Each structure stands twice: as structure tokens, then as C-alpha cells.
Amino acid sequence: MKRPQKSTLIIAAQFVLLGICAIFLVWALYQNWFLKLDAKMLSAELGFRRAQEDFIRGHHWLYEIKLFKIGSEGEVPTKGISEATGRYDGPYEIRALLTYEDSPSSIIDLKRDLIEAYNKHMRQMYENPGWFDLNGFRIPNVRTNSNAKPSGK
């Protein structure tokens, strides 16, 4: 039987290495997808909790993102991460969440997810205060149908 040439063995070894690299690439992409999914979920949860805290304090705010660039509007904002815009949407004061313009797009997307969750929950709590207890948590089994007959005698 004839022995394989060195070039054949080298090519076979390179295909094995290519296969191992492909497996690691797929694994890394899979992990990245789960990390993004978890970050998105945690961002939405943070928006939900912040809306509860603000509602309990009596702040009826909605947020929008305001991008700023160092040098374009003076110094970096140091008074906080948000500022009033002076606009209102019905009973809600519109506030701007200050975000550095050169932040990675993934950070800006996470802040957008936070704001969407915050605004959605704030509207829900303000429009249906009977659905929530004093801590801002949903009361189980609250009737949402106004035509339902009350139980009892």
C-alpha cells in the first residue's frame, strides 16, 4: 500500500483546523446572540423598575434620547443623565436621556429599549392606577372588563 504524500497530510490537517475554527466561530456567534438577548431583557426590566419608582414618587415623565457630542454644546453634562425638554405629552413631562453621540450603537439600542419599556409602563400605570398596588406592582386578578358583574351577595 502506498503511503500518502506530505502535502496530502498537510491539507487534511488544515481541513481539520478549519472545521475546529468554524465550530468555535458558530459557538461565539451563538454566545453573542444570547448576550444581546439578555442585555435587551435586563434593559427592559430596568425601564420597568424606574417607571415604578418614578410613578410612586409622583413623577409622570416620558423619556426620549438626546444625543450630545463633546464640544458641540459646551461642556459634558454634569448635572445628571437627564434633563427637562420643556415639552409635554398630555399629563406627561418629556425628559431627555442624555447619551454620548459616539457611543457604540449597541449601547444606544439598549437605552432605546430601556426608554420604550419605561414609557410603556408609565403610561399603563398612569392610565390604570387601580391595577397596581402602592409599590407599583400589578395586583393579580384585577378586572379589566367594566361590564363584568361583581361577585358577592
C-alpha atoms as a PDB file:
ATOM      1  CA  MET A   1       0.000   0.000   0.000  1.00  0.00           C
ATOM      2  CA  LYS A   2       1.272   3.410  -0.941  1.00  0.00           C
ATOM      3  CA  ARG A   3       1.831   5.978   1.832  1.00  0.00           C
ATOM      4  CA  PRO A   4       0.098   9.386   1.482  1.00  0.00           C
ATOM      5  CA  GLN A   5       2.315  12.264   0.495  1.00  0.00           C
ATOM      6  CA  LYS A   6       3.218  15.013   2.955  1.00  0.00           C
ATOM      7  CA  SER A   7       1.128  17.556   1.057  1.00  0.00           C
ATOM      8  CA  THR A   8      -1.968  15.366   1.426  1.00  0.00           C
ATOM      9  CA  LEU A   9      -1.447  15.127   5.187  1.00  0.00           C
ATOM     10  CA  ILE A  10      -0.927  18.882   5.472  1.00  0.00           C
ATOM     11  CA  ILE A  11      -4.116  19.589   3.518  1.00  0.00           C
ATOM     12  CA  ALA A  12      -6.065  17.132   5.689  1.00  0.00           C
ATOM     13  CA  ALA A  13      -4.702  18.771   8.864  1.00  0.00           C
ATOM     14  CA  GLN A  14      -5.702  22.215   7.557  1.00  0.00           C
ATOM     15  CA  PHE A  15      -9.260  20.990   6.904  1.00  0.00           C
ATOM     16  CA  VAL A  16      -9.452  19.676  10.479  1.00  0.00           C
ATOM     17  CA  LEU A  17      -8.220  23.035  11.796  1.00  0.00           C
ATOM     18  CA  LEU A  18     -10.697  24.857   9.555  1.00  0.00           C
ATOM     19  CA  GLY A  19     -13.516  22.709  10.939  1.00  0.00           C
ATOM     20  CA  ILE A  20     -12.428  23.441  14.537  1.00  0.00           C
ATOM     21  CA  CYS A  21     -12.288  27.182  13.781  1.00  0.00           C
ATOM     22  CA  ALA A  22     -15.761  27.043  12.212  1.00  0.00           C
ATOM     23  CA  ILE A  23     -17.140  25.310  15.326  1.00  0.00           C
ATOM     24  CA  PHE A  24     -15.628  27.991  17.587  1.00  0.00           C
ATOM     25  CA  LEU A  25     -16.986  30.750  15.343  1.00  0.00           C
ATOM     26  CA  VAL A  26     -20.511  29.318  15.499  1.00  0.00           C
ATOM     27  CA  TRP A  27     -20.199  28.942  19.273  1.00  0.00           C
ATOM     28  CA  ALA A  28     -19.038  32.573  19.655  1.00  0.00           C
ATOM     29  CA  LEU A  29     -21.880  33.890  17.471  1.00  0.00           C
ATOM     30  CA  TYR A  30     -24.369  31.825  19.483  1.00  0.00           C
ATOM     31  CA  GLN A  31     -22.995  33.236  22.773  1.00  0.00           C
ATOM     32  CA  ASN A  32     -23.084  36.772  21.364  1.00  0.00           C
ATOM     33  CA  TRP A  33     -26.733  36.337  20.405  1.00  0.00           C
ATOM     34  CA  PHE A  34     -27.618  35.204  23.941  1.00  0.00           C
ATOM     35  CA  LEU A  35     -25.663  38.072  25.488  1.00  0.00           C
ATOM     36  CA  LYS A  36     -27.544  40.587  23.345  1.00  0.00           C
ATOM     37  CA  LEU A  37     -30.853  38.942  24.221  1.00  0.00           C
ATOM     38  CA  ASP A  38     -30.068  39.045  27.957  1.00  0.00           C
ATOM     39  CA  ALA A  39     -28.892  42.655  27.767  1.00  0.00           C
ATOM     40  CA  LYS A  40     -32.106  43.629  25.984  1.00  0.00           C
ATOM     41  CA  MET A  41     -34.208  41.854  28.633  1.00  0.00           C
ATOM     42  CA  LEU A  42     -32.303  43.478  31.516  1.00  0.00           C
ATOM     43  CA  SER A  43     -32.597  46.890  29.898  1.00  0.00           C
ATOM     44  CA  ALA A  44     -36.371  46.489  29.601  1.00  0.00           C
ATOM     45  CA  GLU A  45     -36.560  45.327  33.224  1.00  0.00           C
ATOM     46  CA  LEU A  46     -34.614  48.386  34.353  1.00  0.00           C
ATOM     47  CA  GLY A  47     -37.009  50.652  32.445  1.00  0.00           C
ATOM     48  CA  PHE A  48     -39.954  48.896  34.085  1.00  0.00           C
ATOM     49  CA  ARG A  49     -38.467  49.365  37.591  1.00  0.00           C
ATOM     50  CA  ARG A  50     -37.551  53.007  37.014  1.00  0.00           C
ATOM     51  CA  ALA A  51     -41.092  53.720  35.852  1.00  0.00           C
ATOM     52  CA  GLN A  52     -42.440  52.151  39.055  1.00  0.00           C
ATOM     53  CA  GLU A  53     -40.124  54.258  41.218  1.00  0.00           C
ATOM     54  CA  ASP A  54     -40.948  57.493  39.401  1.00  0.00           C
ATOM     55  CA  PHE A  55     -44.691  56.789  39.486  1.00  0.00           C
ATOM     56  CA  ILE A  56     -44.567  56.163  43.244  1.00  0.00           C
ATOM     57  CA  ARG A  57     -42.735  59.475  43.695  1.00  0.00           C
ATOM     58  CA  GLY A  58     -45.393  61.248  41.632  1.00  0.00           C
ATOM     59  CA  HIS A  59     -43.191  61.933  38.628  1.00  0.00           C
ATOM     60  CA  HIS A  60     -45.127  61.427  35.411  1.00  0.00           C
ATOM     61  CA  TRP A  61     -42.334  61.551  32.889  1.00  0.00           C
ATOM     62  CA  LEU A  62     -41.711  60.118  29.455  1.00  0.00           C
ATOM     63  CA  TYR A  63     -38.223  59.902  28.033  1.00  0.00           C
ATOM     64  CA  GLU A  64     -36.580  60.367  24.678  1.00  0.00           C
ATOM     65  CA  ILE A  65     -32.924  60.062  23.714  1.00  0.00           C
ATOM     66  CA  LYS A  66     -30.897  63.204  23.223  1.00  0.00           C
ATOM     67  CA  LEU A  67     -27.517  62.632  21.613  1.00  0.00           C
ATOM     68  CA  PHE A  68     -24.762  65.046  22.569  1.00  0.00           C
ATOM     69  CA  LYS A  69     -21.209  65.457  21.372  1.00  0.00           C
ATOM     70  CA  ILE A  70     -18.411  66.769  23.491  1.00  0.00           C
ATOM     71  CA  GLY A  71     -17.558  70.263  22.378  1.00  0.00           C
ATOM     72  CA  SER A  72     -20.694  70.888  20.287  1.00  0.00           C
ATOM     73  CA  GLU A  73     -22.871  72.054  23.173  1.00  0.00           C
ATOM     74  CA  GLY A  74     -20.243  73.265  25.570  1.00  0.00           C
ATOM     75  CA  GLU A  75     -19.055  71.017  28.351  1.00  0.00           C
ATOM     76  CA  VAL A  76     -20.133  67.477  29.114  1.00  0.00           C
ATOM     77  CA  PRO A  77     -23.404  67.475  31.085  1.00  0.00           C
ATOM     78  CA  THR A  78     -22.595  67.079  34.781  1.00  0.00           C
ATOM     79  CA  LYS A  79     -25.976  67.752  36.370  1.00  0.00           C
ATOM     80  CA  GLY A  80     -27.296  64.266  35.697  1.00  0.00           C
ATOM     81  CA  ILE A  81     -28.185  61.846  32.959  1.00  0.00           C
ATOM     82  CA  SER A  82     -31.469  63.505  32.043  1.00  0.00           C
ATOM     83  CA  GLU A  83     -32.850  66.971  31.565  1.00  0.00           C
ATOM     84  CA  ALA A  84     -36.254  68.520  31.065  1.00  0.00           C
ATOM     85  CA  THR A  85     -37.141  69.450  27.493  1.00  0.00           C
ATOM     86  CA  GLY A  86     -39.961  71.846  28.394  1.00  0.00           C
ATOM     87  CA  ARG A  87     -42.441  69.833  26.317  1.00  0.00           C
ATOM     88  CA  TYR A  88     -45.455  67.836  27.461  1.00  0.00           C
ATOM     89  CA  ASP A  89     -47.395  64.898  26.029  1.00  0.00           C
ATOM     90  CA  GLY A  90     -50.732  65.254  27.792  1.00  0.00           C
ATOM     91  CA  PRO A  91     -50.073  64.815  31.512  1.00  0.00           C
ATOM     92  CA  TYR A  92     -46.510  63.619  30.952  1.00  0.00           C
ATOM     93  CA  GLU A  93     -43.430  65.818  31.035  1.00  0.00           C
ATOM     94  CA  ILE A  94     -40.979  64.878  28.294  1.00  0.00           C
ATOM     95  CA  ARG A  95     -37.420  64.431  29.547  1.00  0.00           C
ATOM     96  CA  ALA A  96     -34.287  63.777  27.515  1.00  0.00           C
ATOM     97  CA  LEU A  97     -31.954  60.923  28.418  1.00  0.00           C
ATOM     98  CA  LEU A  98     -28.518  62.277  27.591  1.00  0.00           C
ATOM     99  CA  THR A  99     -26.430  59.877  25.525  1.00  0.00           C
ATOM    100  CA  TYR A 100     -22.970  60.401  24.122  1.00  0.00           C
ATOM    101  CA  GLU A 101     -23.224  60.521  20.333  1.00  0.00           C
ATOM    102  CA  ASP A 102     -20.113  58.416  19.759  1.00  0.00           C
ATOM    103  CA  SER A 103     -21.335  55.560  21.975  1.00  0.00           C
ATOM    104  CA  PRO A 104     -21.454  52.163  20.277  1.00  0.00           C
ATOM    105  CA  SER A 105     -24.744  51.523  18.506  1.00  0.00           C
ATOM    106  CA  SER A 106     -25.450  48.585  20.828  1.00  0.00           C
ATOM    107  CA  ILE A 107     -25.393  50.934  23.849  1.00  0.00           C
ATOM    108  CA  ILE A 108     -27.743  53.375  22.146  1.00  0.00           C
ATOM    109  CA  ASP A 109     -30.072  50.478  21.222  1.00  0.00           C
ATOM    110  CA  LEU A 110     -30.118  49.290  24.844  1.00  0.00           C
ATOM    111  CA  LYS A 111     -31.000  52.800  26.009  1.00  0.00           C
ATOM    112  CA  ARG A 112     -33.818  52.879  23.454  1.00  0.00           C
ATOM    113  CA  ASP A 113     -35.126  49.562  24.829  1.00  0.00           C
ATOM    114  CA  LEU A 114     -34.965  50.990  28.352  1.00  0.00           C
ATOM    115  CA  ILE A 115     -36.903  54.084  27.284  1.00  0.00           C
ATOM    116  CA  GLU A 116     -39.546  52.061  25.422  1.00  0.00           C
ATOM    117  CA  ALA A 117     -40.162  49.859  28.470  1.00  0.00           C
ATOM    118  CA  TYR A 118     -40.198  52.884  30.781  1.00  0.00           C
ATOM    119  CA  ASN A 119     -42.649  54.864  28.661  1.00  0.00           C
ATOM    120  CA  LYS A 120     -44.946  51.873  28.123  1.00  0.00           C
ATOM    121  CA  HIS A 121     -45.112  51.044  31.826  1.00  0.00           C
ATOM    122  CA  MET A 122     -45.517  54.683  32.890  1.00  0.00           C
ATOM    123  CA  ARG A 123     -48.483  55.099  30.534  1.00  0.00           C
ATOM    124  CA  GLN A 124     -50.005  51.855  31.787  1.00  0.00           C
ATOM    125  CA  MET A 125     -49.679  52.843  35.453  1.00  0.00           C
ATOM    126  CA  TYR A 126     -50.979  56.371  34.907  1.00  0.00           C
ATOM    127  CA  GLU A 127     -53.965  55.304  32.797  1.00  0.00           C
ATOM    128  CA  ASN A 128     -54.915  52.330  35.046  1.00  0.00           C
ATOM    129  CA  PRO A 129     -53.839  53.146  38.620  1.00  0.00           C
ATOM    130  CA  GLY A 130     -56.299  50.611  40.071  1.00  0.00           C
ATOM    131  CA  TRP A 131     -54.339  47.778  38.513  1.00  0.00           C
ATOM    132  CA  PHE A 132     -51.312  48.447  40.735  1.00  0.00           C
ATOM    133  CA  ASP A 133     -50.619  48.427  44.465  1.00  0.00           C
ATOM    134  CA  LEU A 134     -48.809  51.200  46.361  1.00  0.00           C
ATOM    135  CA  ASN A 135     -45.425  49.788  45.335  1.00  0.00           C
ATOM    136  CA  GLY A 136     -46.255  49.854  41.622  1.00  0.00           C
ATOM    137  CA  PHE A 137     -46.671  46.083  41.276  1.00  0.00           C
ATOM    138  CA  ARG A 138     -49.587  44.615  39.343  1.00  0.00           C
ATOM    139  CA  ILE A 139     -52.453  43.376  41.511  1.00  0.00           C
ATOM    140  CA  PRO A 140     -53.409  39.851  40.423  1.00  0.00           C
ATOM    141  CA  ASN A 141     -56.929  39.172  39.175  1.00  0.00           C
ATOM    142  CA  VAL A 142     -57.931  42.804  38.707  1.00  0.00           C
ATOM    143  CA  ARG A 143     -60.925  43.020  36.415  1.00  0.00           C
ATOM    144  CA  THR A 144     -60.264  44.919  33.263  1.00  0.00           C
ATOM    145  CA  ASN A 145     -63.769  44.453  31.853  1.00  0.00           C
ATOM    146  CA  SER A 146     -66.095  47.202  33.084  1.00  0.00           C
ATOM    147  CA  ASN A 147     -69.212  45.151  32.147  1.00  0.00           C
ATOM    148  CA  ALA A 148     -68.318  42.293  34.474  1.00  0.00           C
ATOM    149  CA  LYS A 149     -70.714  41.758  37.349  1.00  0.00           C
ATOM    150  CA  PRO A 150     -69.214  41.997  40.832  1.00  0.00           C
ATOM    151  CA  SER A 151     -69.130  38.762  42.769  1.00  0.00           C
ATOM    152  CA  GLY A 152     -70.843  38.603  46.109  1.00  0.00           C
ATOM    153  CA  LYS A 153     -74.323  38.714  47.539  1.00  0.00           C
END
